[in-house]
N, C-alpha and C. Protein backbone atom coordinates (compact mmCIF):
# COMPACT_ATOMS: atom_id res chain seq x y z
N MET A 1 93.35 124.20 105.40
CA MET A 1 92.69 123.10 104.71
C MET A 1 93.64 121.91 104.68
N LYS A 2 93.14 120.75 105.04
CA LYS A 2 93.95 119.54 105.05
C LYS A 2 94.17 119.05 103.62
N GLU A 3 95.42 118.68 103.32
CA GLU A 3 95.76 118.20 101.99
C GLU A 3 95.03 116.89 101.70
N HIS A 4 94.52 116.75 100.48
CA HIS A 4 93.83 115.52 100.08
C HIS A 4 94.82 114.36 100.12
N SER A 5 94.36 113.19 100.50
CA SER A 5 95.21 112.02 100.63
C SER A 5 94.58 110.85 99.90
N THR A 6 95.44 109.95 99.38
CA THR A 6 94.93 108.77 98.68
C THR A 6 95.18 107.49 99.46
N ASN A 7 95.69 107.60 100.68
CA ASN A 7 96.05 106.39 101.43
C ASN A 7 94.83 105.63 101.97
N HIS A 8 93.64 106.18 101.89
CA HIS A 8 92.46 105.49 102.37
C HIS A 8 91.71 104.76 101.26
N TYR A 9 92.20 104.83 100.02
CA TYR A 9 91.56 104.13 98.92
C TYR A 9 91.82 102.64 99.06
N ASP A 10 90.81 101.83 98.76
CA ASP A 10 90.95 100.38 98.83
C ASP A 10 91.35 99.86 97.45
N ILE A 11 92.58 100.23 97.05
CA ILE A 11 93.11 99.86 95.74
C ILE A 11 94.53 99.33 95.95
N SER A 12 94.83 98.20 95.32
CA SER A 12 96.21 97.72 95.42
C SER A 12 97.07 98.53 94.45
N GLY A 13 98.27 98.81 94.84
CA GLY A 13 99.16 99.61 94.01
C GLY A 13 99.22 101.04 94.50
N LEU A 14 99.99 101.81 93.81
CA LEU A 14 100.23 103.20 94.17
C LEU A 14 99.18 104.11 93.55
N VAL A 15 98.60 105.00 94.33
CA VAL A 15 97.63 105.98 93.85
C VAL A 15 98.20 107.36 94.15
N LEU A 16 98.30 108.18 93.11
CA LEU A 16 98.87 109.52 93.24
C LEU A 16 97.84 110.56 92.84
N ARG A 17 98.04 111.77 93.34
CA ARG A 17 97.14 112.88 93.00
C ARG A 17 97.78 113.74 91.93
N ARG A 18 96.96 114.21 91.01
CA ARG A 18 97.45 115.14 89.99
C ARG A 18 97.88 116.43 90.66
N GLY A 19 98.93 117.04 90.12
CA GLY A 19 99.39 118.32 90.63
C GLY A 19 100.27 118.21 91.85
N GLN A 20 100.53 117.01 92.33
CA GLN A 20 101.40 116.83 93.49
C GLN A 20 102.63 116.03 93.09
N SER A 21 103.75 116.36 93.71
CA SER A 21 105.01 115.68 93.43
C SER A 21 105.01 114.30 94.05
N PHE A 22 105.77 113.40 93.45
CA PHE A 22 106.04 112.10 94.05
C PHE A 22 107.49 111.76 93.76
N SER A 23 108.05 110.89 94.58
CA SER A 23 109.46 110.54 94.41
C SER A 23 109.67 109.05 94.61
N PHE A 24 110.79 108.57 94.09
CA PHE A 24 111.17 107.17 94.21
C PHE A 24 112.67 107.05 94.08
N THR A 25 113.20 105.93 94.53
CA THR A 25 114.63 105.65 94.43
C THR A 25 114.83 104.46 93.51
N VAL A 26 115.80 104.59 92.61
CA VAL A 26 116.12 103.53 91.65
C VAL A 26 117.47 102.95 92.01
N THR A 27 117.58 101.63 91.98
CA THR A 27 118.86 100.96 92.19
C THR A 27 119.29 100.30 90.89
N PHE A 28 120.46 100.70 90.39
CA PHE A 28 121.02 100.12 89.17
C PHE A 28 121.86 98.90 89.51
N ASN A 29 122.14 98.06 88.52
CA ASN A 29 122.98 96.89 88.74
C ASN A 29 124.47 97.22 88.63
N ARG A 30 124.80 98.49 88.41
CA ARG A 30 126.19 98.96 88.40
C ARG A 30 126.20 100.43 88.80
N ASP A 31 127.39 100.97 89.01
CA ASP A 31 127.49 102.37 89.43
C ASP A 31 126.87 103.30 88.39
N TYR A 32 126.28 104.37 88.88
CA TYR A 32 125.68 105.40 88.03
C TYR A 32 126.55 106.64 88.13
N ASP A 33 127.03 107.14 86.99
CA ASP A 33 127.88 108.32 86.95
C ASP A 33 127.09 109.48 86.35
N ILE A 34 126.71 110.42 87.19
CA ILE A 34 125.88 111.56 86.75
C ILE A 34 126.58 112.42 85.69
N GLU A 35 127.91 112.39 85.67
CA GLU A 35 128.68 113.17 84.70
C GLU A 35 128.64 112.53 83.31
N GLN A 36 128.51 111.21 83.24
CA GLN A 36 128.55 110.50 81.97
C GLN A 36 127.17 110.12 81.44
N HIS A 37 126.23 109.91 82.33
CA HIS A 37 124.93 109.39 81.91
C HIS A 37 123.80 110.37 82.20
N GLN A 38 122.84 110.37 81.31
CA GLN A 38 121.60 111.11 81.54
C GLN A 38 120.48 110.10 81.73
N LEU A 39 119.44 110.53 82.40
CA LEU A 39 118.28 109.67 82.62
C LEU A 39 117.06 110.27 81.94
N CYS A 40 116.24 109.42 81.41
CA CYS A 40 114.97 109.82 80.81
C CYS A 40 113.89 108.94 81.39
N ILE A 41 112.78 109.54 81.78
CA ILE A 41 111.64 108.80 82.30
C ILE A 41 110.52 108.89 81.26
N ARG A 42 109.92 107.74 81.00
CA ARG A 42 108.79 107.68 80.07
C ARG A 42 107.57 107.22 80.86
N LEU A 43 106.53 108.02 80.83
CA LEU A 43 105.25 107.68 81.45
C LEU A 43 104.25 107.48 80.32
N ALA A 44 103.54 106.37 80.33
CA ALA A 44 102.62 106.08 79.23
C ALA A 44 101.33 105.48 79.76
N ILE A 45 100.23 105.86 79.09
CA ILE A 45 98.90 105.30 79.38
C ILE A 45 98.43 104.58 78.13
N GLY A 46 98.02 103.33 78.28
CA GLY A 46 97.49 102.56 77.16
C GLY A 46 98.57 101.93 76.30
N SER A 47 98.13 101.02 75.43
CA SER A 47 99.07 100.28 74.59
C SER A 47 99.55 101.07 73.38
N ARG A 48 98.86 102.14 73.03
CA ARG A 48 99.24 102.97 71.88
C ARG A 48 99.41 104.43 72.31
N SER A 49 100.20 104.61 73.34
CA SER A 49 100.37 105.96 73.87
C SER A 49 101.10 106.84 72.84
N MET A 50 100.74 108.12 72.85
CA MET A 50 101.33 109.08 71.91
C MET A 50 101.61 110.40 72.63
N ILE A 51 102.75 110.97 72.33
CA ILE A 51 103.10 112.27 72.91
C ILE A 51 102.07 113.32 72.50
N SER A 52 101.64 113.30 71.24
CA SER A 52 100.69 114.30 70.74
C SER A 52 99.34 114.24 71.44
N LYS A 53 98.96 113.07 71.95
CA LYS A 53 97.69 112.92 72.66
C LYS A 53 97.85 113.06 74.17
N LYS A 54 99.08 113.36 74.61
CA LYS A 54 99.41 113.49 76.03
C LYS A 54 99.21 112.20 76.81
N THR A 55 99.25 111.06 76.12
CA THR A 55 99.18 109.77 76.78
C THR A 55 100.58 109.17 76.94
N GLN A 56 101.60 109.90 76.45
CA GLN A 56 102.99 109.52 76.66
C GLN A 56 103.78 110.78 76.99
N ILE A 57 104.53 110.70 78.07
CA ILE A 57 105.34 111.84 78.53
C ILE A 57 106.77 111.36 78.65
N ARG A 58 107.71 112.12 78.10
CA ARG A 58 109.13 111.81 78.24
C ARG A 58 109.80 112.97 78.96
N LEU A 59 110.53 112.63 80.01
CA LEU A 59 111.15 113.65 80.85
C LEU A 59 112.62 113.37 81.03
N LEU A 60 113.46 114.37 80.76
CA LEU A 60 114.85 114.26 81.16
C LEU A 60 114.92 114.54 82.65
N VAL A 61 115.73 113.78 83.38
CA VAL A 61 115.85 113.97 84.82
C VAL A 61 116.90 115.05 85.05
N ASP A 62 116.52 116.28 84.72
CA ASP A 62 117.43 117.41 84.87
C ASP A 62 116.75 118.64 85.46
N GLY A 63 115.48 118.51 85.84
CA GLY A 63 114.76 119.62 86.45
C GLY A 63 114.10 120.56 85.47
N THR A 64 114.38 120.39 84.19
CA THR A 64 113.81 121.27 83.17
C THR A 64 112.34 120.95 82.98
N PRO A 65 111.47 121.93 83.15
CA PRO A 65 110.03 121.67 82.94
C PRO A 65 109.76 121.37 81.47
N SER A 66 108.91 120.39 81.23
CA SER A 66 108.50 120.11 79.86
C SER A 66 107.40 121.10 79.48
N GLY A 67 107.06 121.12 78.23
CA GLY A 67 106.02 122.04 77.77
C GLY A 67 104.63 121.66 78.24
N ASN A 68 104.48 120.47 78.82
CA ASN A 68 103.16 120.00 79.23
C ASN A 68 102.95 120.02 80.74
N GLY A 69 103.85 120.67 81.48
CA GLY A 69 103.68 120.82 82.93
C GLY A 69 104.34 119.75 83.78
N TRP A 70 104.94 118.74 83.17
CA TRP A 70 105.65 117.70 83.90
C TRP A 70 107.12 118.08 84.04
N SER A 71 107.78 117.59 85.09
CA SER A 71 109.23 117.73 85.22
C SER A 71 109.76 116.63 86.12
N ALA A 72 111.06 116.35 85.98
CA ALA A 72 111.71 115.34 86.80
C ALA A 72 113.09 115.84 87.19
N ARG A 73 113.48 115.59 88.43
CA ARG A 73 114.81 116.03 88.88
C ARG A 73 115.35 115.06 89.92
N LYS A 74 116.67 115.03 89.99
CA LYS A 74 117.36 114.22 90.98
C LYS A 74 117.23 114.92 92.33
N ILE A 75 116.98 114.14 93.38
CA ILE A 75 116.90 114.70 94.73
C ILE A 75 117.86 113.90 95.63
N PRO A 76 118.27 114.48 96.75
CA PRO A 76 119.18 113.75 97.65
C PRO A 76 118.52 112.49 98.19
N ILE A 77 119.33 111.46 98.39
CA ILE A 77 118.85 110.22 98.99
C ILE A 77 118.77 110.46 100.49
N GLU A 78 117.63 110.16 101.08
CA GLU A 78 117.37 110.45 102.49
C GLU A 78 118.04 109.48 103.44
N ASP A 79 118.05 108.21 103.11
CA ASP A 79 118.49 107.16 104.02
C ASP A 79 120.02 107.13 104.12
N ASP A 80 120.58 107.33 105.31
CA ASP A 80 122.03 107.32 105.50
C ASP A 80 122.65 105.98 105.14
N GLU A 81 121.94 104.89 105.37
CA GLU A 81 122.46 103.57 105.03
C GLU A 81 122.66 103.46 103.51
N ILE A 82 121.73 103.99 102.75
CA ILE A 82 121.83 103.95 101.30
C ILE A 82 122.98 104.81 100.82
N LYS A 83 123.20 105.98 101.44
CA LYS A 83 124.26 106.91 101.02
C LYS A 83 125.64 106.27 101.10
N THR A 84 125.86 105.40 102.07
CA THR A 84 127.19 104.84 102.28
C THR A 84 127.50 103.68 101.34
N LYS A 85 126.53 103.17 100.65
CA LYS A 85 126.75 102.04 99.75
C LYS A 85 127.26 102.54 98.40
N LYS A 86 127.38 101.63 97.47
CA LYS A 86 127.86 101.96 96.13
C LYS A 86 127.05 103.12 95.52
N ASN A 87 127.65 103.72 94.53
CA ASN A 87 126.99 104.83 93.84
C ASN A 87 126.08 104.27 92.73
N ASN A 88 125.18 103.37 93.11
CA ASN A 88 124.30 102.76 92.12
C ASN A 88 122.83 103.09 92.35
N ARG A 89 122.56 104.13 93.13
CA ARG A 89 121.18 104.53 93.43
C ARG A 89 121.00 106.02 93.14
N ILE A 90 119.79 106.33 92.76
CA ILE A 90 119.43 107.72 92.53
C ILE A 90 117.98 107.90 92.95
N SER A 91 117.68 109.02 93.60
CA SER A 91 116.30 109.36 93.94
C SER A 91 115.82 110.43 92.98
N VAL A 92 114.59 110.28 92.53
CA VAL A 92 114.01 111.16 91.52
C VAL A 92 112.68 111.69 92.03
N GLN A 93 112.45 112.98 91.78
CA GLN A 93 111.14 113.58 92.08
C GLN A 93 110.48 113.95 90.77
N ILE A 94 109.22 113.57 90.62
CA ILE A 94 108.44 113.93 89.44
C ILE A 94 107.33 114.87 89.86
N ASP A 95 107.20 115.96 89.13
CA ASP A 95 106.11 116.92 89.34
C ASP A 95 105.12 116.74 88.20
N SER A 96 103.86 116.51 88.56
CA SER A 96 102.81 116.33 87.55
C SER A 96 101.91 117.56 87.53
N PRO A 97 101.33 117.87 86.37
CA PRO A 97 100.42 119.01 86.30
C PRO A 97 99.05 118.66 86.89
N SER A 98 98.32 119.66 87.28
CA SER A 98 96.99 119.43 87.88
C SER A 98 95.97 118.94 86.86
N ASP A 99 96.30 119.07 85.55
CA ASP A 99 95.38 118.61 84.51
C ASP A 99 95.89 117.33 83.83
N ALA A 100 96.77 116.59 84.50
CA ALA A 100 97.28 115.34 83.93
C ALA A 100 96.14 114.36 83.68
N ILE A 101 96.28 113.54 82.66
CA ILE A 101 95.27 112.54 82.35
C ILE A 101 95.18 111.56 83.52
N ILE A 102 93.96 111.20 83.89
CA ILE A 102 93.73 110.24 84.97
C ILE A 102 93.81 108.83 84.37
N GLY A 103 94.57 107.97 85.01
CA GLY A 103 94.66 106.60 84.53
C GLY A 103 95.86 105.89 85.12
N LYS A 104 96.06 104.67 84.66
CA LYS A 104 97.17 103.84 85.12
C LYS A 104 98.36 104.06 84.18
N TYR A 105 99.42 104.63 84.72
CA TYR A 105 100.62 104.93 83.94
C TYR A 105 101.63 103.79 84.05
N ASN A 106 102.26 103.47 82.95
CA ASN A 106 103.43 102.60 82.94
C ASN A 106 104.65 103.50 82.96
N VAL A 107 105.61 103.22 83.84
CA VAL A 107 106.77 104.07 84.01
C VAL A 107 108.02 103.29 83.59
N SER A 108 108.83 103.91 82.72
CA SER A 108 110.09 103.32 82.28
C SER A 108 111.20 104.33 82.52
N LEU A 109 112.38 103.83 82.83
CA LEU A 109 113.54 104.68 83.07
C LEU A 109 114.63 104.24 82.11
N TYR A 110 115.23 105.20 81.39
CA TYR A 110 116.29 104.92 80.45
C TYR A 110 117.54 105.68 80.85
N LYS A 111 118.66 105.00 80.78
CA LYS A 111 119.96 105.62 81.05
C LYS A 111 120.70 105.64 79.72
N PHE A 112 121.28 106.80 79.37
CA PHE A 112 121.99 106.91 78.11
C PHE A 112 123.15 107.89 78.26
N LYS A 113 124.06 107.82 77.30
CA LYS A 113 125.23 108.70 77.29
C LYS A 113 124.99 109.80 76.26
N GLY A 114 125.00 111.06 76.73
CA GLY A 114 124.89 112.22 75.85
C GLY A 114 123.69 112.17 74.90
N GLY A 115 123.54 113.19 74.09
CA GLY A 115 122.46 113.25 73.10
C GLY A 115 121.09 113.18 73.74
N THR A 116 120.14 112.62 72.99
CA THR A 116 118.78 112.46 73.49
C THR A 116 118.38 111.00 73.37
N PRO A 117 117.47 110.55 74.21
CA PRO A 117 117.08 109.13 74.21
C PRO A 117 116.30 108.73 72.96
């Protein structure tokens, strides 16, 4: 069976399928030290998103699955040109559950030292 694809939709912007992983690369304005900093990704739908309503998801970029089926982890950077530059980039893979809410998500990335965001 051929995997479903969203590249034929006539919609501007990124369209993703529930239950499938997606990845992206982030470039910081300074070096990123994985030993000192942790990353948290916040995905939110609507202006009053709430974790309890599953309209807001917070993920540590450490591969640990959340209780709601989402997870985020650091993956190797594919492009050799990017690898040779400063240590200010990171590639992240997000796994979404097959029952994720359908809608337009706002994505935020937070970098912090120790503790929780």
